Protein backbone atom coordinates (compact mmCIF):
# COMPACT_ATOMS: atom_id res chain seq x y z
CA ILE A 1 79.67 -56.14 -31.45
CA VAL A 2 80.43 -59.93 -32.51
CA ALA A 3 78.02 -62.65 -33.54
CA THR A 4 77.29 -65.74 -35.50
CA THR A 5 74.44 -64.97 -36.81
CA ARG A 6 71.60 -62.70 -37.34
CA GLU A 7 69.66 -64.41 -34.10
CA GLU A 8 72.41 -63.97 -31.91
CA LEU A 9 73.19 -60.12 -33.46
CA LEU A 10 70.03 -58.92 -32.55
CA PRO A 11 69.41 -59.12 -29.01
CA LEU A 12 72.64 -57.52 -28.37
CA LEU A 13 72.37 -54.62 -30.98
CA ASP A 14 68.42 -53.82 -28.44
CA GLY A 15 71.15 -53.89 -25.49
CA ALA A 16 73.95 -51.95 -26.87
CA ALA A 17 70.91 -49.24 -27.91
CA LEU A 18 70.20 -49.52 -24.40
CA GLY A 19 73.95 -48.56 -23.18
CA ARG A 20 74.18 -52.27 -22.05
CA LEU A 21 77.67 -53.60 -24.01
CA PRO A 22 78.10 -57.14 -24.42
CA VAL A 23 81.78 -58.73 -22.69
CA GLY A 24 84.16 -57.98 -25.30
CA ALA A 25 82.20 -55.24 -27.37
CA SER A 26 83.45 -51.79 -27.84
CA ILE A 27 82.45 -48.33 -28.39
CA GLY A 28 84.75 -46.20 -31.21
CA THR A 29 84.33 -43.30 -34.33
CA ALA A 30 85.17 -44.58 -37.70
CA ALA A 31 87.77 -43.43 -39.64
CA ALA A 32 86.92 -40.35 -42.23
CA ARG A 33 85.87 -41.46 -45.17
CA ARG A 34 88.36 -42.95 -47.95
CA LYS A 35 87.40 -42.32 -51.20
CA LEU A 36 85.61 -45.52 -52.38
CA ALA A 37 85.94 -47.29 -55.64
CA PHE A 38 84.22 -50.65 -57.30
CA LEU A 39 86.32 -53.53 -59.84
CA PHE A 40 84.69 -55.26 -61.80
CA PRO A 41 86.56 -58.57 -62.86
CA GLY A 42 86.38 -60.03 -66.14
CA GLN A 43 85.49 -63.18 -67.61
CA GLY A 44 87.31 -65.97 -66.20
CA SER A 45 86.35 -65.59 -62.61
CA GLN A 46 82.33 -67.16 -63.34
CA SER A 47 81.21 -70.61 -61.25
CA LEU A 48 78.82 -72.51 -61.75
CA GLY A 49 76.18 -71.04 -58.68
CA MET A 50 76.81 -67.57 -58.39
CA GLY A 51 74.48 -65.27 -56.96
CA ARG A 52 71.91 -68.04 -56.22
CA GLY A 53 72.67 -67.01 -52.34
CA LEU A 54 72.90 -63.38 -52.74
CA TYR A 55 69.77 -63.67 -55.23
CA ALA A 56 67.29 -65.68 -52.27
CA THR A 57 68.54 -63.76 -49.08
CA PHE A 58 68.47 -59.98 -51.05
CA PRO A 59 65.74 -58.04 -52.28
CA ALA A 60 67.61 -55.15 -54.44
CA PHE A 61 70.22 -58.09 -55.46
CA ARG A 62 66.89 -60.46 -56.92
CA GLU A 63 65.60 -56.94 -58.96
CA ALA A 64 68.78 -55.87 -60.11
CA PHE A 65 69.43 -59.51 -61.56
CA ASP A 66 66.15 -60.20 -62.64
CA ARG A 67 66.41 -57.07 -64.74
CA CYS A 68 69.63 -58.03 -66.73
CA THR A 69 68.42 -61.86 -66.80
CA ALA A 70 65.00 -60.33 -68.83
CA LEU A 71 67.41 -58.16 -71.70
CA PHE A 72 70.01 -61.77 -71.80
CA ASP A 73 67.34 -63.62 -72.12
CA THR A 74 65.84 -62.38 -75.09
CA THR A 75 68.84 -63.52 -77.18
CA LEU A 76 70.50 -66.22 -75.85
CA PRO A 77 68.68 -69.74 -76.95
CA ARG A 78 69.26 -70.92 -73.06
CA PRO A 79 67.33 -68.90 -70.48
CA LEU A 80 70.80 -67.03 -68.72
CA ARG A 81 69.67 -67.80 -65.13
CA ALA A 82 69.05 -72.00 -66.26
CA VAL A 83 72.96 -71.75 -67.56
CA MET A 84 74.33 -70.17 -64.85
CA TRP A 85 72.42 -72.10 -61.72
CA ALA A 86 72.22 -75.48 -63.32
CA ALA A 87 72.92 -78.59 -62.01
CA ALA A 88 77.37 -80.08 -62.37
CA GLY A 89 77.91 -81.82 -65.25
CA SER A 90 74.86 -80.84 -67.09
CA ALA A 91 74.54 -79.85 -70.64
CA ASP A 92 73.78 -76.09 -69.48
CA ALA A 93 76.78 -76.32 -66.46
CA ALA A 94 78.61 -76.61 -69.62
CA LEU A 95 76.96 -73.90 -71.33
CA LEU A 96 78.81 -71.14 -68.84
CA ASP A 97 82.26 -71.53 -70.05
CA GLN A 98 80.95 -70.66 -73.62
CA THR A 99 81.54 -66.71 -74.16
CA SER A 100 78.42 -66.29 -75.30
CA TYR A 101 76.89 -67.34 -71.80
CA THR A 102 80.12 -66.09 -69.78
CA GLN A 103 79.78 -62.48 -70.37
CA PRO A 104 76.49 -62.21 -70.04
CA ALA A 105 75.85 -63.87 -66.80
CA LEU A 106 78.77 -61.75 -65.22
CA PHE A 107 77.56 -58.75 -66.70
CA ALA A 108 74.50 -59.18 -64.21
CA LEU A 109 75.94 -61.01 -61.55
CA GLU A 110 78.80 -57.78 -61.13
CA PHE A 111 75.21 -55.44 -62.25
CA ALA A 112 73.17 -56.60 -58.92
CA LEU A 113 75.86 -56.71 -56.96
CA SER A 114 76.12 -53.09 -57.33
CA GLU A 115 72.70 -52.51 -56.87
CA LEU A 116 73.19 -54.38 -53.33
CA TRP A 117 76.02 -52.32 -52.40
CA ARG A 118 73.98 -49.41 -53.13
CA SER A 119 71.19 -50.38 -51.22
CA PHE A 120 72.87 -50.31 -48.49
CA GLY A 121 74.14 -46.98 -48.90
CA VAL A 122 78.16 -48.13 -50.06
CA LEU A 123 78.15 -45.94 -53.36
CA PRO A 124 81.30 -45.99 -54.65
CA ASP A 125 83.45 -42.37 -55.93
CA PHE A 126 84.83 -44.84 -58.91
CA VAL A 127 84.89 -47.81 -61.00
CA ALA A 128 86.89 -49.85 -62.75
CA GLY A 129 86.56 -53.04 -64.83
CA HIS A 130 89.24 -55.77 -66.68
CA SER A 131 87.27 -57.10 -70.13
CA ILE A 132 83.51 -57.37 -69.62
CA GLY A 133 83.90 -55.84 -66.26
CA GLU A 134 84.58 -52.55 -67.96
CA LEU A 135 81.21 -52.14 -69.77
CA VAL A 136 79.27 -52.59 -65.78
CA ALA A 137 81.51 -50.30 -64.79
CA ALA A 138 80.45 -47.73 -67.55
CA CYS A 139 76.67 -48.87 -67.25
CA VAL A 140 77.03 -48.22 -63.39
CA ALA A 141 78.69 -45.03 -63.85
CA GLY A 142 75.79 -43.44 -66.44
CA VAL A 143 77.31 -44.22 -69.67
CA PHE A 144 75.02 -46.53 -70.82
CA THR A 145 71.99 -47.43 -69.87
CA LEU A 146 71.38 -51.14 -68.36
CA THR A 147 69.63 -51.71 -71.36
CA ASP A 148 72.45 -50.45 -73.72
CA ALA A 149 75.27 -52.07 -71.61
CA ALA A 150 73.04 -55.62 -72.11
CA ARG A 151 72.58 -54.76 -75.91
CA LEU A 152 75.84 -53.72 -76.63
CA CYS A 153 77.22 -57.04 -73.97
CA ALA A 154 75.39 -59.80 -75.80
CA ALA A 155 76.35 -58.54 -79.11
CA ARG A 156 80.24 -58.36 -77.67
CA ALA A 157 80.33 -62.28 -76.13
CA LYS A 158 78.28 -63.51 -79.96
CA LEU A 159 81.17 -62.13 -81.73
CA MET A 160 83.78 -63.06 -79.41
CA GLN A 161 81.71 -66.62 -79.69
CA GLU A 162 81.96 -66.69 -83.00
CA LEU A 163 86.33 -66.40 -83.37
CA PRO A 164 87.93 -69.70 -84.13
CA ALA A 165 88.89 -71.69 -80.92
CA GLY A 166 93.46 -71.59 -80.38
CA GLY A 167 93.27 -67.49 -80.61
CA ALA A 168 95.12 -65.49 -78.05
CA MET A 169 95.81 -61.77 -77.08
CA VAL A 170 98.57 -60.22 -77.90
CA SER A 171 99.57 -56.84 -75.93
């Protein structure tokens, strides 16, 4: 069944439950479940306002995001949410591109997204991450508690922020 809004979808689903399929709808069997992985990206994927719509819409996301930001807010000079959802061009918005805020922001968003998926019953068989995403993956996999992972993330971000500007990575 295809619909563009929730209001359009609900009566179609009710009708389908009673055996009345709308034009264009089809019934079938989903393919056998395959292995599922969650991949958590690293620094550079941040953007102002990220997560705001999910926060307003989904309680599971909101609860996980609030748990994360509460942990980070004890270590940052500005509240993490204020930086993530700052008005474009503001002083707070500029902080999102500073490593000391970027990494906690990505951690909070990615952890909350994984909790949202879990609330839908979508559970990963594997997790992986790049850079700060590795910490999220380890937390989601149970290697770290949320408190320990947030503490490690905050310390890592602070230390990386203190590095001299203009550096580069070598592999």
